Amino acid sequence: MITVHHLEKSRSHRVLWMLEELGVPYEIVRYARDPKTLLGPASLREIHPLGKSPTVTDDGRVFAGSGAILEYLVERYGEGRFVPPPGSDDRVRHRYFMHYAEGSLMPYLLMKLVCGRVKSAPLPFFVKPIARRIADGVGATLIDPNLQRHVAFLDGELAKAPYFGGEALTAADVQMSYPVTALIDRAAGMGPLDRLREHAARMRERPAFQRALERGGEML
């Protein structure tokens, strides 16, 4: 049976959702974040050297990284579902968003999160203004302008087709669910979010998504 090594409030929700959509039985091994650092426990390194979640084991194999895991699950258990036909324009679109989620969008969302934590961190009074100034500068000159471009780009893409893989739900929508949720949460005022909110709402309405929430909890 597939085992999902699941860290609370993390990207591994996507793996649970994909498994629920596929109807594949699985078990969960749960891990809690450190309340101070919010990092995963060292015990995750016993499963994979990087100690990250999601990590999945199946038939003695160990898979890490959401995109790689989703591609493996769809290839092995999908029977042609959740991926557009080979050679189609939708297949090209699907492949792009499978990699865009972590390679292009998540780095800026992570920087946005880190800068926010720097500004609220318990620092000595003489250091705090400097840290805030640096974080604000990075946000204003690097993070926010890039997030604005990403918001505009995604709004335009969802104007062309209702799903990130084209005309039907694919693994690309599952892969994009975490960064889209984070973008809606962190990019208020940075551009048109209505289509992203509508897409996120439709995803949450899916029974498989709800079952994943019941088993694994919220993403953020």
C-alpha atoms as a PDB file:
ATOM      1  CA  MET A   1       0.000   0.000   0.000  1.00  0.00           C
ATOM      2  CA  ILE A   2       1.096   3.576  -0.652  1.00  0.00           C
ATOM      3  CA  THR A   3       2.270   5.464   2.397  1.00  0.00           C
ATOM      4  CA  VAL A   4       2.178   9.262   2.442  1.00  0.00           C
ATOM      5  CA  HIS A   5       4.532  10.903   4.924  1.00  0.00           C
ATOM      6  CA  HIS A   6       2.372  13.922   5.608  1.00  0.00           C
ATOM      7  CA  LEU A   7       3.478  17.119   7.334  1.00  0.00           C
ATOM      8  CA  GLU A   8       0.680  19.242   8.762  1.00  0.00           C
ATOM      9  CA  LYS A   9      -0.251  22.377   6.793  1.00  0.00           C
ATOM     10  CA  SER A  10       1.985  21.588   3.875  1.00  0.00           C
ATOM     11  CA  ARG A  11       2.145  20.868   0.175  1.00  0.00           C
ATOM     12  CA  SER A  12       1.547  17.181   0.795  1.00  0.00           C
ATOM     13  CA  HIS A  13      -2.211  17.890   0.783  1.00  0.00           C
ATOM     14  CA  ARG A  14      -1.852  17.759  -2.998  1.00  0.00           C
ATOM     15  CA  VAL A  15      -0.750  14.133  -2.842  1.00  0.00           C
ATOM     16  CA  LEU A  16      -3.696  13.177  -0.634  1.00  0.00           C
ATOM     17  CA  TRP A  17      -6.062  14.923  -3.026  1.00  0.00           C
ATOM     18  CA  MET A  18      -4.574  13.170  -6.055  1.00  0.00           C
ATOM     19  CA  LEU A  19      -4.871   9.788  -4.377  1.00  0.00           C
ATOM     20  CA  GLU A  20      -8.494  10.504  -3.482  1.00  0.00           C
ATOM     21  CA  GLU A  21      -9.255  11.495  -7.084  1.00  0.00           C
ATOM     22  CA  LEU A  22      -7.607   8.295  -8.321  1.00  0.00           C
ATOM     23  CA  GLY A  23      -9.420   6.159  -5.767  1.00  0.00           C
ATOM     24  CA  VAL A  24      -6.168   4.515  -4.689  1.00  0.00           C
ATOM     25  CA  PRO A  25      -5.999   3.270  -1.071  1.00  0.00           C
ATOM     26  CA  TYR A  26      -3.209   4.726   1.047  1.00  0.00           C
ATOM     27  CA  GLU A  27      -2.105   5.217   4.601  1.00  0.00           C
ATOM     28  CA  ILE A  28      -0.795   8.372   6.256  1.00  0.00           C
ATOM     29  CA  VAL A  29       2.124   8.791   8.604  1.00  0.00           C
ATOM     30  CA  ARG A  30       1.676  12.177  10.248  1.00  0.00           C
ATOM     31  CA  TYR A  31       4.363  14.644  11.272  1.00  0.00           C
ATOM     32  CA  ALA A  32       3.978  17.845  13.292  1.00  0.00           C
ATOM     33  CA  ARG A  33       5.895  21.053  12.707  1.00  0.00           C
ATOM     34  CA  ASP A  34       8.208  22.460  15.341  1.00  0.00           C
ATOM     35  CA  PRO A  35       6.120  25.175  17.062  1.00  0.00           C
ATOM     36  CA  LYS A  36       9.044  27.638  17.035  1.00  0.00           C
ATOM     37  CA  THR A  37      10.754  27.040  13.693  1.00  0.00           C
ATOM     38  CA  LEU A  38       7.686  25.618  11.872  1.00  0.00           C
ATOM     39  CA  LEU A  39      10.051  23.094  10.276  1.00  0.00           C
ATOM     40  CA  GLY A  40       9.342  19.400   9.925  1.00  0.00           C
ATOM     41  CA  PRO A  41      10.886  16.951  12.396  1.00  0.00           C
ATOM     42  CA  ALA A  42      14.250  15.280  11.906  1.00  0.00           C
ATOM     43  CA  SER A  43      12.470  11.929  11.712  1.00  0.00           C
ATOM     44  CA  LEU A  44      11.457  12.751   8.136  1.00  0.00           C
ATOM     45  CA  ARG A  45      15.116  12.334   7.171  1.00  0.00           C
ATOM     46  CA  GLU A  46      14.793   8.660   8.043  1.00  0.00           C
ATOM     47  CA  ILE A  47      12.452   8.365   5.062  1.00  0.00           C
ATOM     48  CA  HIS A  48      14.279  10.663   2.626  1.00  0.00           C
ATOM     49  CA  PRO A  49      17.685  12.335   3.145  1.00  0.00           C
ATOM     50  CA  LEU A  50      16.265  15.839   2.594  1.00  0.00           C
ATOM     51  CA  GLY A  51      13.677  15.358   5.317  1.00  0.00           C
ATOM     52  CA  LYS A  52      10.905  17.031   3.321  1.00  0.00           C
ATOM     53  CA  SER A  53       7.207  16.422   2.916  1.00  0.00           C
ATOM     54  CA  PRO A  54       5.527  15.150   0.869  1.00  0.00           C
ATOM     55  CA  THR A  55       7.415  11.907   0.616  1.00  0.00           C
ATOM     56  CA  VAL A  56       5.679   8.761  -0.597  1.00  0.00           C
ATOM     57  CA  THR A  57       6.688   5.127  -0.434  1.00  0.00           C
ATOM     58  CA  ASP A  58       5.219   2.575  -2.826  1.00  0.00           C
ATOM     59  CA  ASP A  59       6.466  -0.942  -3.531  1.00  0.00           C
ATOM     60  CA  GLY A  60       9.751  -0.222  -1.785  1.00  0.00           C
ATOM     61  CA  ARG A  61      10.371   2.961  -3.772  1.00  0.00           C
ATOM     62  CA  VAL A  62      10.688   6.383  -2.171  1.00  0.00           C
ATOM     63  CA  PHE A  63       9.437   9.467  -3.988  1.00  0.00           C
ATOM     64  CA  ALA A  64       9.883  13.078  -2.868  1.00  0.00           C
ATOM     65  CA  GLY A  65       8.698  16.314  -4.447  1.00  0.00           C
ATOM     66  CA  SER A  66       5.047  17.000  -5.211  1.00  0.00           C
ATOM     67  CA  GLY A  67       5.406  17.199  -8.990  1.00  0.00           C
ATOM     68  CA  ALA A  68       7.373  13.968  -9.268  1.00  0.00           C
ATOM     69  CA  ILE A  69       4.936  12.196  -6.958  1.00  0.00           C
ATOM     70  CA  LEU A  70       1.850  13.348  -8.847  1.00  0.00           C
ATOM     71  CA  GLU A  71       3.339  12.359 -12.188  1.00  0.00           C
ATOM     72  CA  TYR A  72       4.202   8.916 -10.823  1.00  0.00           C
ATOM     73  CA  LEU A  73       0.726   8.391  -9.368  1.00  0.00           C
ATOM     74  CA  VAL A  74      -1.064   9.433 -12.562  1.00  0.00           C
ATOM     75  CA  GLU A  75       1.252   7.350 -14.730  1.00  0.00           C
ATOM     76  CA  ARG A  76       0.894   4.241 -12.602  1.00  0.00           C
ATOM     77  CA  TYR A  77      -2.693   4.450 -11.405  1.00  0.00           C
ATOM     78  CA  GLY A  78      -4.429   6.984 -13.621  1.00  0.00           C
ATOM     79  CA  GLU A  79      -5.277   4.749 -16.601  1.00  0.00           C
ATOM     80  CA  GLY A  80      -5.229   7.815 -18.834  1.00  0.00           C
ATOM     81  CA  ARG A  81      -7.074  10.057 -16.402  1.00  0.00           C
ATOM     82  CA  PHE A  82      -5.922  13.450 -15.108  1.00  0.00           C
ATOM     83  CA  VAL A  83      -3.554  14.123 -17.985  1.00  0.00           C
ATOM     84  CA  PRO A  84      -4.452  15.478 -21.444  1.00  0.00           C
ATOM     85  CA  PRO A  85      -3.878  13.324 -24.551  1.00  0.00           C
ATOM     86  CA  PRO A  86      -0.261  13.080 -25.764  1.00  0.00           C
ATOM     87  CA  GLY A  87       0.605  15.584 -28.470  1.00  0.00           C
ATOM     88  CA  SER A  88      -2.312  17.902 -27.675  1.00  0.00           C
ATOM     89  CA  ASP A  89      -2.024  21.612 -26.865  1.00  0.00           C
ATOM     90  CA  ASP A  90      -3.575  20.878 -23.479  1.00  0.00           C
ATOM     91  CA  ARG A  91      -0.780  18.392 -22.760  1.00  0.00           C
ATOM     92  CA  VAL A  92       1.766  21.172 -23.322  1.00  0.00           C
ATOM     93  CA  ARG A  93      -0.204  23.491 -21.033  1.00  0.00           C
ATOM     94  CA  HIS A  94      -0.516  20.756 -18.404  1.00  0.00           C
ATOM     95  CA  ARG A  95       3.222  20.044 -18.442  1.00  0.00           C
ATOM     96  CA  TYR A  96       4.064  23.719 -18.097  1.00  0.00           C
ATOM     97  CA  PHE A  97       1.928  24.239 -15.001  1.00  0.00           C
ATOM     98  CA  MET A  98       3.171  21.017 -13.411  1.00  0.00           C
ATOM     99  CA  HIS A  99       6.621  22.646 -13.316  1.00  0.00           C
ATOM    100  CA  TYR A 100       5.628  26.315 -13.049  1.00  0.00           C
ATOM    101  CA  ALA A 101       3.976  25.771  -9.653  1.00  0.00           C
ATOM    102  CA  GLU A 102       7.212  25.056  -7.793  1.00  0.00           C
ATOM    103  CA  GLY A 103       9.808  26.386 -10.228  1.00  0.00           C
ATOM    104  CA  SER A 104       8.372  29.832 -10.965  1.00  0.00           C
ATOM    105  CA  LEU A 105       5.631  30.828  -8.516  1.00  0.00           C
ATOM    106  CA  MET A 106       6.501  29.250  -5.160  1.00  0.00           C
ATOM    107  CA  PRO A 107       9.939  30.925  -4.759  1.00  0.00           C
ATOM    108  CA  TYR A 108       8.326  34.383  -4.607  1.00  0.00           C
ATOM    109  CA  LEU A 109       5.557  33.187  -2.297  1.00  0.00           C
ATOM    110  CA  LEU A 110       8.167  31.687   0.004  1.00  0.00           C
ATOM    111  CA  MET A 111      10.167  34.925  -0.005  1.00  0.00           C
ATOM    112  CA  LYS A 112       6.977  36.822   0.806  1.00  0.00           C
ATOM    113  CA  LEU A 113       6.377  34.532   3.776  1.00  0.00           C
ATOM    114  CA  VAL A 114       9.962  34.797   5.036  1.00  0.00           C
ATOM    115  CA  CYS A 115      10.013  38.593   4.791  1.00  0.00           C
ATOM    116  CA  GLY A 116       6.762  38.757   6.739  1.00  0.00           C
ATOM    117  CA  ARG A 117       8.237  36.619   9.478  1.00  0.00           C
ATOM    118  CA  VAL A 118      11.394  38.727   9.590  1.00  0.00           C
ATOM    119  CA  LYS A 119       9.272  41.818  10.203  1.00  0.00           C
ATOM    120  CA  SER A 120       7.364  40.154  13.043  1.00  0.00           C
ATOM    121  CA  ALA A 121      10.291  38.268  14.594  1.00  0.00           C
ATOM    122  CA  PRO A 122      11.217  39.004  18.227  1.00  0.00           C
ATOM    123  CA  LEU A 123      14.442  40.938  17.592  1.00  0.00           C
ATOM    124  CA  PRO A 124      16.394  43.404  19.763  1.00  0.00           C
ATOM    125  CA  PHE A 125      14.853  46.877  19.536  1.00  0.00           C
ATOM    126  CA  PHE A 126      17.882  48.353  17.767  1.00  0.00           C
ATOM    127  CA  VAL A 127      17.867  45.619  15.105  1.00  0.00           C
ATOM    128  CA  LYS A 128      14.123  45.477  14.415  1.00  0.00           C
ATOM    129  CA  PRO A 129      13.871  48.731  12.370  1.00  0.00           C
ATOM    130  CA  ILE A 130      16.789  47.649  10.183  1.00  0.00           C
ATOM    131  CA  ALA A 131      15.321  44.195   9.613  1.00  0.00           C
ATOM    132  CA  ARG A 132      11.939  45.702   8.722  1.00  0.00           C
ATOM    133  CA  ARG A 133      13.532  48.182   6.324  1.00  0.00           C
ATOM    134  CA  ILE A 134      15.416  45.410   4.550  1.00  0.00           C
ATOM    135  CA  ALA A 135      12.322  43.187   4.350  1.00  0.00           C
ATOM    136  CA  ASP A 136      10.200  46.065   3.050  1.00  0.00           C
ATOM    137  CA  GLY A 137      12.857  46.908   0.463  1.00  0.00           C
ATOM    138  CA  VAL A 138      13.074  43.331  -0.800  1.00  0.00           C
ATOM    139  CA  GLY A 139       9.294  43.170  -0.966  1.00  0.00           C
ATOM    140  CA  ALA A 140       8.894  46.463  -2.826  1.00  0.00           C
ATOM    141  CA  THR A 141      11.692  45.961  -5.357  1.00  0.00           C
ATOM    142  CA  LEU A 142      11.685  42.200  -5.962  1.00  0.00           C
ATOM    143  CA  ILE A 143       8.836  40.169  -4.486  1.00  0.00           C
ATOM    144  CA  ASP A 144       5.722  42.283  -5.028  1.00  0.00           C
ATOM    145  CA  PRO A 145       6.456  43.317  -8.645  1.00  0.00           C
ATOM    146  CA  ASN A 146       7.026  39.673  -9.567  1.00  0.00           C
ATOM    147  CA  LEU A 147       3.894  38.514  -7.779  1.00  0.00           C
ATOM    148  CA  GLN A 148       1.912  41.171  -9.639  1.00  0.00           C
ATOM    149  CA  ARG A 149       3.176  39.733 -12.926  1.00  0.00           C
ATOM    150  CA  HIS A 150       2.280  36.207 -11.825  1.00  0.00           C
ATOM    151  CA  VAL A 151      -1.235  37.270 -10.810  1.00  0.00           C
ATOM    152  CA  ALA A 152      -1.798  38.930 -14.196  1.00  0.00           C
ATOM    153  CA  PHE A 153      -0.360  35.917 -16.015  1.00  0.00           C
ATOM    154  CA  LEU A 154      -2.535  33.387 -14.193  1.00  0.00           C
ATOM    155  CA  ASP A 155      -5.638  35.510 -14.617  1.00  0.00           C
ATOM    156  CA  GLY A 156      -4.968  35.558 -18.358  1.00  0.00           C
ATOM    157  CA  GLU A 157      -4.406  31.804 -18.489  1.00  0.00           C
ATOM    158  CA  LEU A 158      -7.649  31.035 -16.669  1.00  0.00           C
ATOM    159  CA  ALA A 159      -9.437  33.373 -19.087  1.00  0.00           C
ATOM    160  CA  LYS A 160      -8.343  31.036 -21.903  1.00  0.00           C
ATOM    161  CA  ALA A 161      -9.386  27.760 -20.260  1.00  0.00           C
ATOM    162  CA  PRO A 162     -11.142  26.786 -17.015  1.00  0.00           C
ATOM    163  CA  TYR A 163      -8.344  24.488 -15.820  1.00  0.00           C
ATOM    164  CA  PHE A 164      -4.574  24.661 -15.725  1.00  0.00           C
ATOM    165  CA  GLY A 165      -4.499  21.580 -17.920  1.00  0.00           C
ATOM    166  CA  GLY A 166      -7.020  22.946 -20.401  1.00  0.00           C
ATOM    167  CA  GLU A 167     -10.683  21.972 -20.573  1.00  0.00           C
ATOM    168  CA  ALA A 168     -10.724  19.310 -17.841  1.00  0.00           C
ATOM    169  CA  LEU A 169      -9.234  18.753 -14.407  1.00  0.00           C
ATOM    170  CA  THR A 170      -5.715  17.327 -14.532  1.00  0.00           C
ATOM    171  CA  ALA A 171      -2.845  16.772 -12.137  1.00  0.00           C
ATOM    172  CA  ALA A 172      -1.729  20.315 -13.033  1.00  0.00           C
ATOM    173  CA  ASP A 173      -4.720  21.699 -11.106  1.00  0.00           C
ATOM    174  CA  VAL A 174      -3.773  19.537  -8.139  1.00  0.00           C
ATOM    175  CA  GLN A 175      -0.181  20.744  -8.344  1.00  0.00           C
ATOM    176  CA  MET A 176      -1.262  24.378  -8.619  1.00  0.00           C
ATOM    177  CA  SER A 177      -3.706  24.185  -5.704  1.00  0.00           C
ATOM    178  CA  TYR A 178      -1.147  25.031  -3.026  1.00  0.00           C
ATOM    179  CA  PRO A 179       0.524  28.039  -4.693  1.00  0.00           C
ATOM    180  CA  VAL A 180      -2.847  29.385  -5.840  1.00  0.00           C
ATOM    181  CA  THR A 181      -4.162  29.208  -2.269  1.00  0.00           C
ATOM    182  CA  ALA A 182      -1.004  30.893  -0.995  1.00  0.00           C
ATOM    183  CA  LEU A 183      -1.177  33.549  -3.721  1.00  0.00           C
ATOM    184  CA  ILE A 184      -4.773  34.432  -2.848  1.00  0.00           C
ATOM    185  CA  ASP A 185      -3.706  34.681   0.795  1.00  0.00           C
ATOM    186  CA  ARG A 186      -0.587  36.798   0.208  1.00  0.00           C
ATOM    187  CA  ALA A 187      -1.235  38.837  -2.932  1.00  0.00           C
ATOM    188  CA  ALA A 188      -4.228  40.972  -2.003  1.00  0.00           C
ATOM    189  CA  GLY A 189      -4.192  44.197  -3.989  1.00  0.00           C
ATOM    190  CA  MET A 190      -1.633  42.895  -6.496  1.00  0.00           C
ATOM    191  CA  GLY A 191      -4.001  42.330  -9.385  1.00  0.00           C
ATOM    192  CA  PRO A 192      -7.122  40.472 -10.499  1.00  0.00           C
ATOM    193  CA  LEU A 193      -7.736  37.515  -8.224  1.00  0.00           C
ATOM    194  CA  ASP A 194     -11.361  36.713  -9.064  1.00  0.00           C
ATOM    195  CA  ARG A 195     -10.588  33.926 -11.544  1.00  0.00           C
ATOM    196  CA  LEU A 196      -8.050  32.410  -9.161  1.00  0.00           C
ATOM    197  CA  ARG A 197     -10.571  32.531  -6.320  1.00  0.00           C
ATOM    198  CA  GLU A 198     -13.215  30.934  -8.525  1.00  0.00           C
ATOM    199  CA  HIS A 199     -10.829  28.163  -9.558  1.00  0.00           C
ATOM    200  CA  ALA A 200      -9.805  27.536  -5.941  1.00  0.00           C
ATOM    201  CA  ALA A 201     -13.460  27.427  -4.861  1.00  0.00           C
ATOM    202  CA  ARG A 202     -14.315  24.861  -7.561  1.00  0.00           C
ATOM    203  CA  MET A 203     -11.389  22.700  -6.485  1.00  0.00           C
ATOM    204  CA  ARG A 204     -12.475  22.813  -2.839  1.00  0.00           C
ATOM    205  CA  GLU A 205     -15.983  21.697  -3.819  1.00  0.00           C
ATOM    206  CA  ARG A 206     -14.711  18.421  -5.239  1.00  0.00           C
ATOM    207  CA  PRO A 207     -15.524  15.458  -2.965  1.00  0.00           C
ATOM    208  CA  ALA A 208     -11.964  14.139  -3.308  1.00  0.00           C
ATOM    209  CA  PHE A 209     -10.570  17.485  -2.154  1.00  0.00           C
ATOM    210  CA  GLN A 210     -12.868  17.424   0.872  1.00  0.00           C
ATOM    211  CA  ARG A 211     -11.828  13.884   1.744  1.00  0.00           C
ATOM    212  CA  ALA A 212      -8.184  14.944   1.578  1.00  0.00           C
ATOM    213  CA  LEU A 213      -8.930  17.804   3.983  1.00  0.00           C
ATOM    214  CA  GLU A 214     -10.677  15.424   6.348  1.00  0.00           C
ATOM    215  CA  ARG A 215      -7.680  13.084   6.408  1.00  0.00           C
ATOM    216  CA  GLY A 216      -4.841  15.596   6.276  1.00  0.00           C
ATOM    217  CA  GLY A 217      -6.142  18.987   7.388  1.00  0.00           C
ATOM    218  CA  GLU A 218      -5.826  22.372   5.683  1.00  0.00           C
ATOM    219  CA  MET A 219      -2.936  23.281   3.368  1.00  0.00           C
ATOM    220  CA  LEU A 220      -1.996  26.598   4.991  1.00  0.00           C
END
